[in-house]
C-alpha atoms as a PDB file:
ATOM      1  CA  MET A   1    -100.723 -47.362  89.976  1.00  0.00           C
ATOM      2  CA  PRO A   2    -104.262 -46.084  90.430  1.00  0.00           C
ATOM      3  CA  ASN A   3    -107.424 -47.211  88.717  1.00  0.00           C
ATOM      4  CA  LYS A   4    -109.059 -44.712  86.390  1.00  0.00           C
ATOM      5  CA  SER A   5    -112.750 -43.909  86.409  1.00  0.00           C
ATOM      6  CA  VAL A   6    -114.174 -44.042  82.881  1.00  0.00           C
ATOM      7  CA  PRO A   7    -117.891 -43.368  82.289  1.00  0.00           C
ATOM      8  CA  GLY A   8    -119.607 -46.694  82.948  1.00  0.00           C
ATOM      9  CA  TRP A   9    -116.554 -48.682  84.059  1.00  0.00           C
ATOM     10  CA  THR A  10    -113.247 -48.622  85.938  1.00  0.00           C
ATOM     11  CA  GLN A  11    -109.982 -48.951  83.995  1.00  0.00           C
ATOM     12  CA  VAL A  12    -107.135 -50.774  85.714  1.00  0.00           C
ATOM     13  CA  PRO A  13    -103.409 -50.372  85.003  1.00  0.00           C
ATOM     14  CA  VAL A  14    -101.981 -52.401  82.125  1.00  0.00           C
ATOM     15  CA  THR A  15     -99.798 -55.358  83.139  1.00  0.00           C
ATOM     16  CA  ALA A  16     -97.403 -57.469  81.096  1.00  0.00           C
ATOM     17  CA  SER A  17    -100.123 -60.010  80.287  1.00  0.00           C
ATOM     18  CA  GLU A  18    -102.105 -57.331  78.399  1.00  0.00           C
ATOM     19  CA  ILE A  19     -99.243 -56.601  75.978  1.00  0.00           C
ATOM     20  CA  THR A  20    -100.060 -58.313  72.698  1.00  0.00           C
ATOM     21  CA  SER A  21     -97.064 -57.268  70.606  1.00  0.00           C
ATOM     22  CA  ILE A  22     -93.803 -55.341  70.795  1.00  0.00           C
ATOM     23  CA  HIS A  23     -92.213 -54.172  67.551  1.00  0.00           C
ATOM     24  CA  TYR A  24     -88.991 -52.282  66.888  1.00  0.00           C
ATOM     25  CA  ASP A  25     -88.056 -50.399  63.711  1.00  0.00           C
ATOM     26  CA  ARG A  26     -84.480 -49.218  63.371  1.00  0.00           C
ATOM     27  CA  ILE A  27     -84.264 -45.464  62.690  1.00  0.00           C
ATOM     28  CA  ALA A  28     -80.504 -44.931  62.881  1.00  0.00           C
ATOM     29  CA  SER A  29     -78.307 -47.168  60.747  1.00  0.00           C
ATOM     30  CA  ASP A  30     -76.104 -47.964  63.758  1.00  0.00           C
ATOM     31  CA  GLY A  31     -79.102 -49.116  65.822  1.00  0.00           C
ATOM     32  CA  SER A  32     -78.756 -46.337  68.378  1.00  0.00           C
ATOM     33  CA  SER A  33     -82.272 -45.016  67.694  1.00  0.00           C
ATOM     34  CA  ASN A  34     -85.347 -47.190  67.231  1.00  0.00           C
ATOM     35  CA  GLN A  35     -89.093 -46.743  67.039  1.00  0.00           C
ATOM     36  CA  LEU A  36     -90.910 -48.912  69.563  1.00  0.00           C
ATOM     37  CA  THR A  37     -94.558 -49.795  68.925  1.00  0.00           C
ATOM     38  CA  VAL A  38     -96.472 -51.719  71.597  1.00  0.00           C
ATOM     39  CA  ALA A  39    -100.016 -53.042  71.197  1.00  0.00           C
ATOM     40  CA  TYR A  40    -101.951 -53.767  74.380  1.00  0.00           C
ATOM     41  CA  GLN A  41    -105.388 -54.423  75.847  1.00  0.00           C
ATOM     42  CA  ILE A  42    -107.176 -52.113  78.240  1.00  0.00           C
ATOM     43  CA  LYS A  43    -109.182 -53.987  80.877  1.00  0.00           C
ATOM     44  CA  ASP A  44    -111.752 -53.051  83.471  1.00  0.00           C
ATOM     45  CA  ASN A  45    -111.765 -53.998  87.134  1.00  0.00           C
ATOM     46  CA  LEU A  46    -113.647 -57.216  86.255  1.00  0.00           C
ATOM     47  CA  ALA A  47    -110.844 -58.277  83.837  1.00  0.00           C
ATOM     48  CA  ALA A  48    -112.974 -57.695  80.731  1.00  0.00           C
ATOM     49  CA  VAL A  49    -111.153 -56.263  77.716  1.00  0.00           C
ATOM     50  CA  ARG A  50    -112.674 -52.854  76.963  1.00  0.00           C
ATOM     51  CA  GLN A  51    -110.307 -51.559  74.284  1.00  0.00           C
ATOM     52  CA  THR A  52    -107.069 -52.185  72.468  1.00  0.00           C
ATOM     53  CA  ALA A  53    -104.475 -49.470  71.981  1.00  0.00           C
ATOM     54  CA  THR A  54    -100.941 -48.827  70.806  1.00  0.00           C
ATOM     55  CA  LEU A  55     -98.061 -46.773  72.117  1.00  0.00           C
ATOM     56  CA  THR A  56     -95.314 -45.605  69.784  1.00  0.00           C
ATOM     57  CA  GLN A  57     -92.168 -43.836  70.891  1.00  0.00           C
ATOM     58  CA  VAL A  58     -88.555 -43.396  69.863  1.00  0.00           C
ATOM     59  CA  VAL A  59     -86.112 -45.256  72.091  1.00  0.00           C
ATOM     60  CA  GLY A  60     -82.380 -45.858  72.115  1.00  0.00           C
ATOM     61  CA  THR A  61     -81.051 -49.367  71.755  1.00  0.00           C
ATOM     62  CA  TYR A  62     -83.297 -52.358  72.334  1.00  0.00           C
ATOM     63  CA  PRO A  63     -84.698 -54.337  73.971  1.00  0.00           C
ATOM     64  CA  VAL A  64     -86.430 -51.948  76.356  1.00  0.00           C
ATOM     65  CA  ALA A  65     -87.319 -53.448  79.756  1.00  0.00           C
ATOM     66  CA  VAL A  66     -90.963 -54.489  80.090  1.00  0.00           C
ATOM     67  CA  ALA A  67     -91.213 -52.466  83.315  1.00  0.00           C
ATOM     68  CA  THR A  68     -90.174 -49.344  81.380  1.00  0.00           C
ATOM     69  CA  ILE A  69     -92.722 -50.085  78.656  1.00  0.00           C
ATOM     70  CA  LEU A  70     -95.494 -50.609  81.222  1.00  0.00           C
ATOM     71  CA  ALA A  71     -94.608 -47.368  82.983  1.00  0.00           C
ATOM     72  CA  ALA A  72     -94.902 -45.483  79.657  1.00  0.00           C
ATOM     73  CA  ILE A  73     -98.219 -47.155  78.817  1.00  0.00           C
ATOM     74  CA  ASN A  74     -99.755 -46.468  82.217  1.00  0.00           C
ATOM     75  CA  THR A  75     -98.521 -42.896  82.231  1.00  0.00           C
ATOM     76  CA  ALA A  76    -100.146 -42.390  78.836  1.00  0.00           C
ATOM     77  CA  GLN A  77    -103.379 -44.025  80.081  1.00  0.00           C
ATOM     78  CA  GLY A  78    -103.447 -42.125  83.356  1.00  0.00           C
ATOM     79  CA  THR A  79    -103.478 -45.302  85.414  1.00  0.00           C
END
């Protein structure tokens, strides 16, 4: 995934080590639909934390693979 140029710094893609929490809320009583909320850190190319952010989306059953979560985060971040 590519780095992203932000005014004054370079944002790098989020990796598993930047995820700080993963939370599921059941939407459907049978567990077939859940709301996933992921908190993560955004780092620069020098490994300094520049921001924290969250991603929330509706998913099917859980758990969702970390690779799938990272792909959604980095797509949302443009990295």
